[in-house]
Protein backbone atom coordinates (compact mmCIF):
# COMPACT_ATOMS: atom_id res chain seq x y z
CA UNK A 1 -10.53 -15.80 74.29
CA UNK A 2 -12.52 -18.17 71.61
CA UNK A 3 -14.01 -15.70 70.07
CA UNK A 4 -11.37 -12.91 69.91
CA UNK A 5 -9.43 -16.03 67.52
CA UNK A 6 -12.84 -16.89 65.39
CA UNK A 7 -12.76 -12.62 65.09
CA UNK A 8 -9.05 -12.32 63.87
CA UNK A 9 -9.81 -15.68 61.52
CA UNK A 10 -12.82 -13.76 60.16
CA UNK A 11 -10.59 -11.16 59.28
CA UNK A 12 -8.01 -12.78 58.11
CA UNK A 13 -10.63 -14.71 56.10
CA UNK A 14 -12.17 -11.24 54.79
CA UNK A 15 -8.76 -9.88 53.93
CA UNK A 16 -8.17 -12.53 51.87
CA UNK A 17 -11.06 -12.54 49.74
CA UNK A 18 -10.72 -8.75 49.55
CA UNK A 19 -6.99 -9.09 48.48
CA UNK A 20 -8.13 -12.08 45.93
CA UNK A 21 -10.98 -9.83 44.26
CA UNK A 22 -8.27 -6.90 43.83
CA UNK A 23 -5.54 -9.38 42.02
CA UNK A 24 -8.49 -10.69 40.43
CA UNK A 25 -9.10 -7.31 39.15
CA UNK A 26 -5.83 -6.60 37.84
CA UNK A 27 -5.09 -9.69 36.08
CA UNK A 28 -8.49 -8.87 34.42
CA UNK A 29 -6.99 -5.77 33.25
CA UNK A 30 -3.79 -6.75 32.14
CA UNK A 31 -5.71 -9.47 30.50
CA UNK A 32 -7.67 -6.59 28.94
CA UNK A 33 -4.58 -4.68 27.67
CA UNK A 34 -2.63 -8.24 26.47
CA UNK A 35 -6.10 -8.94 23.96
CA UNK A 36 -5.35 -5.55 23.16
CA UNK A 37 -2.40 -5.71 21.57
CA UNK A 38 -2.85 -8.72 20.07
CA UNK A 39 -5.70 -7.19 17.91
CA UNK A 40 -3.36 -4.28 17.33
CA UNK A 41 -0.57 -6.68 16.71
CA UNK A 42 -2.48 -8.28 14.16
CA UNK A 43 -4.38 -6.06 12.57
CA UNK A 44 -0.19 -4.67 12.19
CA UNK A 45 0.56 -7.47 10.41
CA UNK A 46 -2.38 -7.23 8.05
CA UNK A 47 -1.57 -4.16 7.35
CA UNK A 48 2.75 -5.19 6.86
CA UNK A 49 1.49 -8.22 4.47
CA UNK A 50 -0.88 -5.26 2.28
CA UNK A 51 2.26 -3.04 1.90
CA UNK A 52 4.52 -5.85 0.76
CA UNK A 53 1.87 -6.70 -2.11
CA UNK A 54 1.05 -2.82 -3.23
CA UNK A 55 5.03 -2.27 -3.10
CA UNK A 56 5.66 -5.83 -5.17
CA UNK A 57 3.10 -4.79 -7.36
CA UNK A 58 4.62 -1.07 -7.78
CA UNK A 59 8.04 -2.63 -8.62
CA UNK A 60 6.40 -4.93 -11.37
CA UNK A 61 5.28 -2.19 -12.65
CA UNK A 62 7.66 -0.20 -12.94
CA UNK A 63 10.22 -2.62 -14.59
CA UNK A 64 7.61 -2.97 -16.89
CA UNK A 65 7.53 0.38 -18.04
CA UNK A 66 11.35 0.78 -17.35
CA UNK A 67 12.04 -2.35 -20.57
CA UNK A 68 9.53 -0.71 -22.21
CA UNK A 69 10.37 2.23 -22.46
CA UNK A 70 14.01 0.68 -22.92
CA UNK A 71 12.66 -1.23 -26.02
CA UNK A 72 11.12 1.91 -27.31
CA UNK A 73 14.72 3.52 -27.33
CA UNK A 74 16.23 1.40 -28.80
CA UNK A 75 13.83 0.37 -31.53
CA UNK A 76 14.09 4.33 -32.31
CA UNK A 77 17.66 4.43 -32.20
CA UNK A 78 17.87 1.20 -34.44
CA UNK A 79 15.82 2.82 -37.01
CA UNK A 80 18.10 5.42 -37.03
CA UNK A 81 21.32 3.24 -37.70
CA UNK A 82 19.03 1.17 -40.39
CA UNK A 83 18.68 4.81 -41.93
CA UNK A 84 22.00 6.16 -42.13
CA UNK A 85 23.57 2.73 -44.48
């Protein structure tokens, strides 16, 4: 009887060890996935910041071109208005 109890305990301990290994492997898998998503998130944040900087630059460039063209047009118009006097 005592041998049977020892065998049951040994078998149950082995089963617990095996279950812990399996759970540890699954935990490791999910940790790796979380780390991968974190790296991807950082990369996307960087790309978004670059995109915002690029758009700001393009907006400023467009504003400068727009104001420059407006100044030239107004200058030409005012020259024609002065010539008529």
